[in-house]
PDB file of N, CA and C in Angstrom:
ATOM      1  N   MET A   1      79.559  -0.884 -50.131  1.00  0.00           N
ATOM      2  CA  MET A   1      79.230  -1.490 -48.941  1.00  0.00           C
ATOM      3  C   MET A   1      80.081  -2.679 -48.705  1.00  0.00           C
ATOM      4  N   GLU A   2      80.365  -3.525 -49.771  1.00  0.00           N
ATOM      5  CA  GLU A   2      80.999  -4.698 -49.570  1.00  0.00           C
ATOM      6  C   GLU A   2      82.335  -4.669 -48.978  1.00  0.00           C
ATOM      7  N   GLU A   3      83.050  -3.456 -49.406  1.00  0.00           N
ATOM      8  CA  GLU A   3      84.345  -3.231 -48.800  1.00  0.00           C
ATOM      9  C   GLU A   3      84.337  -2.900 -47.364  1.00  0.00           C
ATOM     10  N   MET A   4      83.352  -2.096 -46.989  1.00  0.00           N
ATOM     11  CA  MET A   4      83.055  -1.629 -45.664  1.00  0.00           C
ATOM     12  C   MET A   4      82.844  -2.996 -44.702  1.00  0.00           C
ATOM     13  N   ARG A   5      81.980  -3.937 -45.332  1.00  0.00           N
ATOM     14  CA  ARG A   5      81.611  -5.151 -44.419  1.00  0.00           C
ATOM     15  C   ARG A   5      82.903  -5.915 -44.245  1.00  0.00           C
ATOM     16  N   LYS A   6      83.801  -5.924 -45.267  1.00  0.00           N
ATOM     17  CA  LYS A   6      85.015  -6.539 -44.769  1.00  0.00           C
ATOM     18  C   LYS A   6      85.764  -5.992 -43.793  1.00  0.00           C
ATOM     19  N   LEU A   7      85.806  -4.824 -43.509  1.00  0.00           N
ATOM     20  CA  LEU A   7      86.593  -4.207 -42.481  1.00  0.00           C
ATOM     21  C   LEU A   7      85.848  -4.369 -41.156  1.00  0.00           C
ATOM     22  N   ALA A   8      84.396  -4.310 -41.079  1.00  0.00           N
ATOM     23  CA  ALA A   8      83.504  -4.347 -39.958  1.00  0.00           C
ATOM     24  C   ALA A   8      82.370  -5.173 -40.295  1.00  0.00           C
ATOM     25  N   PRO A   9      82.465  -6.503 -40.302  1.00  0.00           N
ATOM     26  CA  PRO A   9      81.406  -7.449 -40.764  1.00  0.00           C
ATOM     27  C   PRO A   9      80.265  -7.343 -39.884  1.00  0.00           C
ATOM     28  N   ASP A  10      80.290  -7.223 -38.602  1.00  0.00           N
ATOM     29  CA  ASP A  10      79.211  -7.301 -37.613  1.00  0.00           C
ATOM     30  C   ASP A  10      78.930  -5.698 -36.949  1.00  0.00           C
ATOM     31  N   ALA A  11      79.194  -4.626 -37.736  1.00  0.00           N
ATOM     32  CA  ALA A  11      79.111  -3.392 -37.210  1.00  0.00           C
ATOM     33  C   ALA A  11      77.780  -2.912 -36.805  1.00  0.00           C
ATOM     34  N   GLY A  12      76.696  -3.596 -37.430  1.00  0.00           N
ATOM     35  CA  GLY A  12      75.469  -3.174 -37.092  1.00  0.00           C
ATOM     36  C   GLY A  12      74.864  -1.929 -37.924  1.00  0.00           C
ATOM     37  N   SER A  13      73.797  -1.254 -37.688  1.00  0.00           N
ATOM     38  CA  SER A  13      73.491  -0.271 -38.311  1.00  0.00           C
ATOM     39  C   SER A  13      72.379   0.718 -37.505  1.00  0.00           C
ATOM     40  N   TYR A  14      72.147   1.887 -38.085  1.00  0.00           N
ATOM     41  CA  TYR A  14      71.081   2.654 -37.473  1.00  0.00           C
ATOM     42  C   TYR A  14      69.959   2.583 -38.542  1.00  0.00           C
ATOM     43  N   VAL A  15      68.788   2.132 -38.019  1.00  0.00           N
ATOM     44  CA  VAL A  15      67.611   1.941 -38.912  1.00  0.00           C
ATOM     45  C   VAL A  15      67.264   3.083 -39.834  1.00  0.00           C
ATOM     46  N   ALA A  16      67.321   4.109 -39.103  1.00  0.00           N
ATOM     47  CA  ALA A  16      66.720   5.435 -39.853  1.00  0.00           C
ATOM     48  C   ALA A  16      67.735   5.740 -41.047  1.00  0.00           C
ATOM     49  N   GLU A  17      68.873   5.306 -41.114  1.00  0.00           N
ATOM     50  CA  GLU A  17      69.880   5.647 -41.967  1.00  0.00           C
ATOM     51  C   GLU A  17      70.536   4.194 -42.689  1.00  0.00           C
ATOM     52  N   SER A  18      69.697   3.364 -42.758  1.00  0.00           N
ATOM     53  CA  SER A  18      70.098   1.997 -43.323  1.00  0.00           C
ATOM     54  C   SER A  18      70.157   2.030 -44.777  1.00  0.00           C
ATOM     55  N   ASP A  19      70.826   0.920 -45.197  1.00  0.00           N
ATOM     56  CA  ASP A  19      70.947   0.698 -46.693  1.00  0.00           C
ATOM     57  C   ASP A  19      69.443   0.038 -47.016  1.00  0.00           C
ATOM     58  N   PHE A  20      68.691   0.716 -48.018  1.00  0.00           N
ATOM     59  CA  PHE A  20      67.514   0.304 -48.248  1.00  0.00           C
ATOM     60  C   PHE A  20      67.409  -1.086 -48.837  1.00  0.00           C
ATOM     61  N   PHE A  21      68.493  -1.490 -49.462  1.00  0.00           N
ATOM     62  CA  PHE A  21      68.526  -2.881 -50.207  1.00  0.00           C
ATOM     63  C   PHE A  21      69.404  -3.882 -49.468  1.00  0.00           C
ATOM     64  N   GLU A  22      69.483  -3.514 -48.099  1.00  0.00           N
ATOM     65  CA  GLU A  22      70.291  -4.513 -47.209  1.00  0.00           C
ATOM     66  C   GLU A  22      69.464  -5.830 -47.219  1.00  0.00           C
ATOM     67  N   ALA A  23      70.264  -6.933 -47.646  1.00  0.00           N
ATOM     68  CA  ALA A  23      69.632  -8.198 -47.833  1.00  0.00           C
ATOM     69  C   ALA A  23      69.466  -8.916 -46.398  1.00  0.00           C
ATOM     70  N   GLY A  24      70.434  -8.672 -45.532  1.00  0.00           N
ATOM     71  CA  GLY A  24      70.437  -9.315 -44.168  1.00  0.00           C
ATOM     72  C   GLY A  24      70.024  -8.357 -43.174  1.00  0.00           C
ATOM     73  N   TRP A  25      68.854  -7.643 -43.488  1.00  0.00           N
ATOM     74  CA  TRP A  25      68.462  -6.479 -42.602  1.00  0.00           C
ATOM     75  C   TRP A  25      68.177  -6.964 -41.267  1.00  0.00           C
ATOM     76  N   GLN A  26      67.430  -8.110 -41.018  1.00  0.00           N
ATOM     77  CA  GLN A  26      67.216  -8.614 -39.644  1.00  0.00           C
ATOM     78  C   GLN A  26      68.521  -8.543 -38.743  1.00  0.00           C
ATOM     79  N   GLN A  27      69.402  -9.260 -39.237  1.00  0.00           N
ATOM     80  CA  GLN A  27      70.757  -9.291 -38.445  1.00  0.00           C
ATOM     81  C   GLN A  27      71.426  -8.002 -38.313  1.00  0.00           C
ATOM     82  N   ALA A  28      71.450  -7.298 -39.439  1.00  0.00           N
ATOM     83  CA  ALA A  28      72.148  -5.895 -39.522  1.00  0.00           C
ATOM     84  C   ALA A  28      71.478  -4.817 -38.573  1.00  0.00           C
ATOM     85  N   HIS A  29      70.267  -4.794 -38.396  1.00  0.00           N
ATOM     86  CA  HIS A  29      69.432  -3.870 -37.723  1.00  0.00           C
ATOM     87  C   HIS A  29      69.287  -4.303 -36.216  1.00  0.00           C
ATOM     88  N   TRP A  30      68.769  -5.506 -36.077  1.00  0.00           N
ATOM     89  CA  TRP A  30      68.429  -5.911 -34.951  1.00  0.00           C
ATOM     90  C   TRP A  30      69.219  -7.013 -34.110  1.00  0.00           C
ATOM     91  N   GLY A  31      70.232  -7.636 -34.979  1.00  0.00           N
ATOM     92  CA  GLY A  31      71.062  -8.637 -34.337  1.00  0.00           C
ATOM     93  C   GLY A  31      70.408  -9.687 -33.574  1.00  0.00           C
ATOM     94  N   PRO A  32      70.905 -10.186 -32.453  1.00  0.00           N
ATOM     95  CA  PRO A  32      70.359 -11.487 -32.020  1.00  0.00           C
ATOM     96  C   PRO A  32      69.279 -11.280 -31.289  1.00  0.00           C
ATOM     97  N   ASN A  33      68.650 -10.016 -31.037  1.00  0.00           N
ATOM     98  CA  ASN A  33      67.465  -9.606 -30.459  1.00  0.00           C
ATOM     99  C   ASN A  33      66.109  -9.935 -31.422  1.00  0.00           C
ATOM    100  N   TYR A  34      66.569  -9.993 -32.662  1.00  0.00           N
ATOM    101  CA  TYR A  34      65.339 -10.078 -33.612  1.00  0.00           C
ATOM    102  C   TYR A  34      64.389 -11.228 -33.427  1.00  0.00           C
ATOM    103  N   PRO A  35      64.673 -12.409 -33.103  1.00  0.00           N
ATOM    104  CA  PRO A  35      63.623 -13.268 -32.792  1.00  0.00           C
ATOM    105  C   PRO A  35      62.721 -13.071 -31.622  1.00  0.00           C
ATOM    106  N   ARG A  36      63.222 -12.411 -30.482  1.00  0.00           N
ATOM    107  CA  ARG A  36      62.423 -11.863 -29.351  1.00  0.00           C
ATOM    108  C   ARG A  36      61.581 -10.809 -29.797  1.00  0.00           C
ATOM    109  N   LEU A  37      62.058  -9.858 -30.478  1.00  0.00           N
ATOM    110  CA  LEU A  37      61.255  -8.746 -31.157  1.00  0.00           C
ATOM    111  C   LEU A  37      60.180  -9.140 -31.830  1.00  0.00           C
ATOM    112  N   LEU A  38      60.526 -10.162 -32.716  1.00  0.00           N
ATOM    113  CA  LEU A  38      59.523 -10.608 -33.725  1.00  0.00           C
ATOM    114  C   LEU A  38      58.184 -11.265 -32.841  1.00  0.00           C
ATOM    115  N   SER A  39      58.656 -11.974 -31.809  1.00  0.00           N
ATOM    116  CA  SER A  39      57.588 -12.579 -30.978  1.00  0.00           C
ATOM    117  C   SER A  39      56.706 -11.549 -30.367  1.00  0.00           C
ATOM    118  N   VAL A  40      57.295 -10.450 -29.969  1.00  0.00           N
ATOM    119  CA  VAL A  40      56.642  -9.364 -29.233  1.00  0.00           C
ATOM    120  C   VAL A  40      55.711  -8.756 -30.404  1.00  0.00           C
ATOM    121  N   LYS A  41      56.254  -8.465 -31.500  1.00  0.00           N
ATOM    122  CA  LYS A  41      55.558  -7.793 -32.594  1.00  0.00           C
ATOM    123  C   LYS A  41      54.269  -8.703 -32.966  1.00  0.00           C
ATOM    124  N   ARG A  42      54.336  -9.931 -33.149  1.00  0.00           N
ATOM    125  CA  ARG A  42      53.254 -10.958 -33.462  1.00  0.00           C
ATOM    126  C   ARG A  42      52.196 -10.889 -32.280  1.00  0.00           C
ATOM    127  N   ARG A  43      52.579 -10.735 -31.183  1.00  0.00           N
ATOM    128  CA  ARG A  43      51.746 -10.803 -29.903  1.00  0.00           C
ATOM    129  C   ARG A  43      50.999  -9.613 -29.889  1.00  0.00           C
ATOM    130  N   TYR A  44      51.506  -8.398 -30.027  1.00  0.00           N
ATOM    131  CA  TYR A  44      50.998  -7.053 -29.820  1.00  0.00           C
ATOM    132  C   TYR A  44      50.330  -6.587 -31.124  1.00  0.00           C
ATOM    133  N   ASP A  45      50.820  -6.941 -32.214  1.00  0.00           N
ATOM    134  CA  ASP A  45      50.257  -6.328 -33.608  1.00  0.00           C
ATOM    135  C   ASP A  45      50.124  -7.564 -34.513  1.00  0.00           C
ATOM    136  N   PRO A  46      49.269  -8.423 -34.157  1.00  0.00           N
ATOM    137  CA  PRO A  46      49.184  -9.529 -35.118  1.00  0.00           C
ATOM    138  C   PRO A  46      48.730  -9.390 -36.403  1.00  0.00           C
ATOM    139  N   ALA A  47      48.069  -8.118 -36.673  1.00  0.00           N
ATOM    140  CA  ALA A  47      47.479  -7.888 -38.098  1.00  0.00           C
ATOM    141  C   ALA A  47      48.546  -7.043 -38.720  1.00  0.00           C
ATOM    142  N   GLY A  48      49.610  -6.738 -38.085  1.00  0.00           N
ATOM    143  CA  GLY A  48      50.726  -6.007 -38.895  1.00  0.00           C
ATOM    144  C   GLY A  48      50.253  -4.534 -39.209  1.00  0.00           C
ATOM    145  N   LEU A  49      49.457  -3.967 -38.315  1.00  0.00           N
ATOM    146  CA  LEU A  49      49.076  -2.520 -38.575  1.00  0.00           C
ATOM    147  C   LEU A  49      50.158  -1.567 -38.680  1.00  0.00           C
ATOM    148  N   PHE A  50      51.169  -1.815 -37.764  1.00  0.00           N
ATOM    149  CA  PHE A  50      52.343  -0.871 -37.683  1.00  0.00           C
ATOM    150  C   PHE A  50      53.485  -1.552 -38.346  1.00  0.00           C
ATOM    151  N   PHE A  51      54.095  -0.836 -39.385  1.00  0.00           N
ATOM    152  CA  PHE A  51      55.228  -1.338 -40.093  1.00  0.00           C
ATOM    153  C   PHE A  51      56.175  -0.317 -40.501  1.00  0.00           C
ATOM    154  N   THR A  52      57.377  -0.605 -40.904  1.00  0.00           N
ATOM    155  CA  THR A  52      58.251   0.208 -41.497  1.00  0.00           C
ATOM    156  C   THR A  52      59.141  -0.571 -42.342  1.00  0.00           C
ATOM    157  N   HIS A  53      59.788  -0.063 -43.322  1.00  0.00           N
ATOM    158  CA  HIS A  53      60.639  -0.752 -44.133  1.00  0.00           C
ATOM    159  C   HIS A  53      61.870  -1.357 -43.296  1.00  0.00           C
ATOM    160  N   HIS A  54      62.223  -2.639 -43.424  1.00  0.00           N
ATOM    161  CA  HIS A  54      63.121  -3.230 -42.709  1.00  0.00           C
ATOM    162  C   HIS A  54      62.747  -3.340 -41.154  1.00  0.00           C
ATOM    163  N   GLY A  55      61.599  -3.015 -40.709  1.00  0.00           N
ATOM    164  CA  GLY A  55      61.004  -3.207 -39.360  1.00  0.00           C
ATOM    165  C   GLY A  55      60.653  -4.658 -39.080  1.00  0.00           C
ATOM    166  N   VAL A  56      60.714  -4.871 -37.829  1.00  0.00           N
ATOM    167  CA  VAL A  56      60.467  -6.155 -37.137  1.00  0.00           C
ATOM    168  C   VAL A  56      59.177  -6.799 -37.815  1.00  0.00           C
ATOM    169  N   GLY A  57      59.155  -7.784 -38.382  1.00  0.00           N
ATOM    170  CA  GLY A  57      57.898  -8.449 -38.868  1.00  0.00           C
ATOM    171  C   GLY A  57      57.557  -8.173 -40.315  1.00  0.00           C
ATOM    172  N   LEU A  58      58.549  -7.443 -41.077  1.00  0.00           N
ATOM    173  CA  LEU A  58      58.230  -7.244 -42.540  1.00  0.00           C
ATOM    174  C   LEU A  58      58.291  -8.419 -43.319  1.00  0.00           C
ATOM    175  N   GLU A  59      58.901  -9.378 -42.821  1.00  0.00           N
ATOM    176  CA  GLU A  59      58.801 -10.627 -43.833  1.00  0.00           C
ATOM    177  C   GLU A  59      57.442 -11.011 -44.202  1.00  0.00           C
ATOM    178  N   GLY A  60      57.294 -11.553 -45.403  1.00  0.00           N
ATOM    179  CA  GLY A  60      56.012 -11.870 -45.771  1.00  0.00           C
ATOM    180  C   GLY A  60      55.221 -10.779 -46.450  1.00  0.00           C
ATOM    181  N   SER A  61      55.723  -9.653 -46.627  1.00  0.00           N
ATOM    182  CA  SER A  61      54.978  -8.544 -47.147  1.00  0.00           C
ATOM    183  C   SER A  61      55.697  -8.006 -48.297  1.00  0.00           C
ATOM    184  N   SER A  62      54.928  -7.209 -49.108  1.00  0.00           N
ATOM    185  CA  SER A  62      55.469  -6.602 -50.280  1.00  0.00           C
ATOM    186  C   SER A  62      56.661  -5.715 -49.937  1.00  0.00           C
ATOM    187  N   ALA A  63      57.319  -5.339 -50.898  1.00  0.00           N
ATOM    188  CA  ALA A  63      58.510  -4.442 -50.729  1.00  0.00           C
ATOM    189  C   ALA A  63      58.215  -3.228 -49.852  1.00  0.00           C
ATOM    190  N   ASN A  64      56.845  -2.667 -50.189  1.00  0.00           N
ATOM    191  CA  ASN A  64      56.476  -1.311 -49.349  1.00  0.00           C
ATOM    192  C   ASN A  64      55.803  -1.675 -48.092  1.00  0.00           C
ATOM    193  N   GLY A  65      55.647  -3.000 -47.914  1.00  0.00           N
ATOM    194  CA  GLY A  65      54.929  -3.301 -46.670  1.00  0.00           C
ATOM    195  C   GLY A  65      53.344  -3.367 -46.635  1.00  0.00           C
ATOM    196  N   PHE A  66      52.732  -2.850 -47.749  1.00  0.00           N
ATOM    197  CA  PHE A  66      51.283  -2.766 -47.750  1.00  0.00           C
ATOM    198  C   PHE A  66      50.448  -4.024 -47.934  1.00  0.00           C
ATOM    199  N   THR A  67      51.256  -4.995 -48.665  1.00  0.00           N
ATOM    200  CA  THR A  67      50.522  -6.183 -49.022  1.00  0.00           C
ATOM    201  C   THR A  67      51.053  -7.437 -48.363  1.00  0.00           C
ATOM    202  N   LYS A  68      50.226  -8.185 -47.610  1.00  0.00           N
ATOM    203  CA  LYS A  68      50.787  -9.434 -47.088  1.00  0.00           C
ATOM    204  C   LYS A  68      50.857 -10.491 -48.155  1.00  0.00           C
ATOM    205  N   LEU A  69      52.072 -11.029 -48.344  1.00  0.00           N
ATOM    206  CA  LEU A  69      52.222 -12.058 -49.372  1.00  0.00           C
ATOM    207  C   LEU A  69      51.962 -13.672 -48.817  1.00  0.00           C
ATOM    208  N   GLU A  70      51.879 -13.727 -47.488  1.00  0.00           N
ATOM    209  CA  GLU A  70      51.711 -15.082 -46.888  1.00  0.00           C
ATOM    210  C   GLU A  70      50.570 -15.770 -47.292  1.00  0.00           C
TER     211      GLU A  70
END
């Protein structure tokens, strides 16, 4: 992946076929929209009932998303 990123550093990705270990997933999957999406997520799902790996709002959770670490 590192060689591909050199060729296309801001190419983005398709979440359903993303790199599971992507370190910068917020930017890679959601780009500049992430802060706005996170505020919507916190407003309409404050308990974090709906989640997916590398989904909006996953920060502060265990790797599988089932346990809040905050």
